[in-house]
Amino acid sequence: MAGEPQSDCLFCKIVAGEVPATVVRKTERTLAFRDIAPKAPVHVLVIPHAHYPNAAELAAAEPALAGELLAEAGAVARDEGIEDYRLIFNTGAGAGQTVFHAHVHVLGGRHMTESMV
């Protein structure tokens, strides 16, 4: 069920403390931790504690929580000392999503050479 922890979800296990992660920020409803395969000097994932398979489902079910995710992504960038950064939500396997728990990538610390638009 959406919003409920899933026993087979890596990110739910990280939220529960069952799988270790390098946490950089934590709020009552979000968690930010370093990506284990960084694509930039700063590569942090920001996730909701609640399980939603992707950003679209999160936004439809809990728009305020989706907004908190974006606010936390900005706070991560500030805490990491980066002014220019990229936020990425991959939604669906065809877009590169590999963990089906809504999350935003915060990337920075280098010039982003490739435009995605």
Protein backbone atom coordinates (compact mmCIF):
# COMPACT_ATOMS: atom_id res chain seq x y z
CA MET A 1 0.00 0.00 0.00
CA ALA A 2 1.32 3.46 -0.90
CA GLY A 3 2.67 5.37 2.04
CA GLU A 4 3.38 2.21 4.05
CA PRO A 5 6.89 0.71 4.43
CA GLN A 6 7.63 -2.07 1.97
CA SER A 7 9.71 -5.02 3.20
CA ASP A 8 11.47 -5.41 -0.16
CA CYS A 9 12.38 -1.71 -0.59
CA LEU A 10 16.01 -0.70 -0.04
CA PHE A 11 15.09 2.88 0.88
CA CYS A 12 12.42 1.75 3.36
CA LYS A 13 15.15 -0.38 4.97
CA ILE A 14 17.45 2.66 5.14
CA VAL A 15 14.68 4.73 6.79
CA ALA A 16 14.15 1.91 9.31
CA GLY A 17 17.87 1.74 10.09
CA GLU A 18 18.13 -1.83 8.76
CA VAL A 19 20.59 -0.84 6.01
CA PRO A 20 23.39 1.64 6.74
CA ALA A 21 23.67 4.95 4.91
CA THR A 22 25.71 8.12 5.31
CA VAL A 23 22.94 10.43 6.48
CA VAL A 24 23.45 14.17 5.96
CA ARG A 25 20.00 15.46 7.02
CA LYS A 26 16.96 14.00 8.70
CA THR A 27 13.57 15.49 9.45
CA GLU A 28 10.38 14.01 10.82
CA ARG A 29 9.28 13.09 7.27
CA THR A 30 12.43 13.07 5.10
CA LEU A 31 15.90 11.58 5.02
CA ALA A 32 18.94 12.70 3.00
CA PHE A 33 21.96 10.47 2.50
CA ARG A 34 24.97 10.19 0.20
CA ASP A 35 24.59 8.14 -2.98
CA ILE A 36 26.79 5.02 -2.96
CA ALA A 37 27.71 5.55 -6.63
CA PRO A 38 28.10 9.36 -6.88
CA LYS A 39 27.91 11.06 -10.27
CA ALA A 40 29.27 14.36 -8.91
CA PRO A 41 31.36 15.53 -5.93
CA VAL A 42 28.07 16.13 -4.12
CA HIS A 43 25.47 13.46 -4.81
CA VAL A 44 22.83 13.16 -2.12
CA LEU A 45 19.46 11.42 -2.28
CA VAL A 46 16.49 12.96 -0.46
CA ILE A 47 13.62 10.56 0.24
CA PRO A 48 10.34 10.66 2.11
CA HIS A 49 10.06 8.26 5.05
CA ALA A 50 6.72 7.16 3.55
CA HIS A 51 6.93 4.76 0.62
CA TYR A 52 5.65 5.97 -2.74
CA PRO A 53 6.95 4.23 -5.87
CA ASN A 54 7.88 7.46 -7.67
CA ALA A 55 7.70 11.24 -7.58
CA ALA A 56 4.44 11.41 -9.53
CA GLU A 57 2.63 9.13 -7.08
CA LEU A 58 4.08 11.03 -4.13
CA ALA A 59 2.97 14.38 -5.55
CA ALA A 60 -0.54 13.09 -6.26
CA ALA A 61 -0.99 11.54 -2.81
CA GLU A 62 0.88 14.02 -0.60
CA PRO A 63 1.74 17.28 -2.38
CA ALA A 64 2.94 18.90 0.86
CA LEU A 65 5.43 16.07 1.39
CA ALA A 66 6.63 16.43 -2.21
CA GLY A 67 7.23 20.11 -1.43
CA GLU A 68 9.16 19.15 1.72
CA LEU A 69 11.39 16.93 -0.42
CA LEU A 70 12.24 19.90 -2.64
CA ALA A 71 12.83 22.17 0.36
CA GLU A 72 15.15 19.56 1.90
CA ALA A 73 17.02 19.22 -1.40
CA GLY A 74 17.69 22.96 -1.27
CA ALA A 75 18.79 22.67 2.36
CA VAL A 76 21.20 19.86 1.43
CA ALA A 77 22.74 22.05 -1.29
CA ARG A 78 23.12 24.92 1.19
CA ASP A 79 24.64 22.63 3.83
CA GLU A 80 27.05 21.19 1.26
CA GLY A 81 28.11 24.70 0.21
CA ILE A 82 26.96 24.47 -3.40
CA GLU A 83 25.14 27.33 -5.09
CA ASP A 84 24.70 25.71 -8.50
CA TYR A 85 23.17 22.26 -8.45
CA ARG A 86 20.91 19.90 -10.32
CA LEU A 87 17.82 18.15 -8.93
CA ILE A 88 16.72 14.96 -10.67
CA PHE A 89 13.62 12.83 -10.16
CA ASN A 90 13.74 9.65 -12.27
CA THR A 91 10.25 8.20 -12.66
CA GLY A 92 10.09 4.73 -14.17
CA ALA A 93 12.72 2.25 -15.30
CA GLY A 94 12.89 3.84 -18.76
CA ALA A 95 13.97 7.11 -17.12
CA GLY A 96 16.68 5.40 -15.08
CA GLN A 97 14.83 4.79 -11.82
CA THR A 98 16.35 1.72 -10.13
CA VAL A 99 14.91 1.99 -6.61
CA PHE A 100 11.14 2.35 -6.73
CA HIS A 101 10.76 4.64 -3.71
CA ALA A 102 10.33 8.33 -4.56
CA HIS A 103 13.61 10.23 -4.28
CA VAL A 104 15.36 13.29 -5.63
CA HIS A 105 19.04 13.38 -6.52
CA VAL A 106 20.94 16.52 -5.48
CA LEU A 107 24.02 16.83 -7.71
CA GLY A 108 26.65 19.55 -7.54
CA GLY A 109 30.22 20.49 -6.86
CA ARG A 110 31.21 20.50 -10.53
CA HIS A 111 30.05 22.09 -13.76
CA MET A 112 27.15 20.15 -15.18
CA THR A 113 28.27 19.86 -18.77
CA GLU A 114 25.26 18.12 -20.25
CA SER A 115 21.91 19.84 -20.44
CA MET A 116 18.97 17.52 -19.96
CA VAL A 117 16.53 19.78 -21.79
